[in-house]
């Protein structure tokens, strides 16, 4: 049963970005909860079974393989006192011949403390002048929260998707009463503090010659409820073509999905934009645009997904559809597109020239055959056929040049997965019902932009993040902090 649930969860995770994403997310949460209960019950039964002594026939038992704990965790040795005499004969002539180590994972609960900074006053007996050391620098003027606490509040909200009300409740249970409004004040103050770093990341991203772009929905607080707003992402990631610039992301919030927003976001930028076929980007591709038209590079993963939905045998059977509804054309199209992705895995990380040479030699013939075959099949299909819509999306005169851009530029990737990965944290927050934007969400843009590399690397960097973004404050940030940030982001 546990194996069956794991398979079902894996299938739902693959389909969670489809049309029934909300329904799938709810079902996925229920299945994961059920899986957790089953695993806990199985563990309890296993412990009870180990306590019982049952005689069984002799057999060779395979030793279970336990995953080792990470090497970076500190080890605390607790040595059991050895006997001073032999337990058999009582002799004192015993010599150590080795040791067995059993490792147990433990955690130290979070501890709160109040740091009292004492500034002693002195008076001069000769001139009666009073002297006192200057007040220590604080990240937030006249603030009460230390750098580590500020880092934790912000990272919990934007990196771990814990809204401030849940944080306030948890802190209260730990004996520290911090109201929701108090925590919100700290989040706003930190956003103001991080503006210089956010500006540096923006400058770094928009100097790239190639960007990934995408957007996702976020609930926007409105009178009487919520409405759907948008969060846009622009990713610089030069690693696929052996670039040395650190990867970084810039987020932008808008109240709707109008085409004016990406036009405004990318004003003054020129290069290759890897995105989906959203018509809102069309203004960027106009020849008369200043400082020049943006070159479109469309995502083959999007095109493949439209065929895959019609070729996914397991999903169609699970939904009760007959085998006749599974399109053989879609199955063949998926196989041919997968051959292109297989070549891309081979050239990933190579220089643009090497990537382009291999693509022209191996990928170009496959693309030409795919186009010729799809056009022949499309001529035999009705315009109402589902697979015809997938073919039209790929072969549209407005789309096909963007899909074949990777055959002309070695820097272009075959997919837009880099942009989609940058939005995973936002989508996880929305699934948890913890994302609620306001009409002025500039601080959300700043926090997500700064914290995105942290989210992708994991929370183990929280100490360094606190030292970088807060400890030393704005002066450190402007005098070398940005250099360390980019070096760290490139790791």
Foldseek 3Di string as FASTA:
>chain_A
DLVVLVVVLVVLVVCCPDPPNLVSLVVSVVSVVVSVVVVVVVVVVVVVVVVDDDDDDDDDDDDDDDDDDDPVDDDDDDDDDDDQADPPPRHRPDDDDDDDDDDDDDDDDDDDDADDDDWDWDADPVPRDIDTDDDDDFQFVVDRDHLLVLLVLLCCVQQVLDFLVNVQVVVVVVPDHDDSVNSVVSLVRLLVLLVVLLVVLLVLQLVDQEKEKDKDWFWADDPPGTDTWIKMKIWDDQQQQQDQFFIFMFIDTGRHDALVVVCVSNQPGEHEYEYAPDCSCVVQQDQPHPPGHHHAAYAVVVLLVLLVVLAVVVVCVVVVHDPVSRDPVSVVLNVLVVVVVVLSVVSGRHHLVVQLVSCVVPVVVSVVVSLVVLVVVLVVDDCPDSVNVSSCSCPPPVHVCNQCVCNVTSSDDNHSVVRVVLCPSVVVSVSVVSTYAYNDRSSVSSSSRLCSLVSVVDCVCSVVVSCLSTVVTSVSCVVCSSVVSRVVSRD
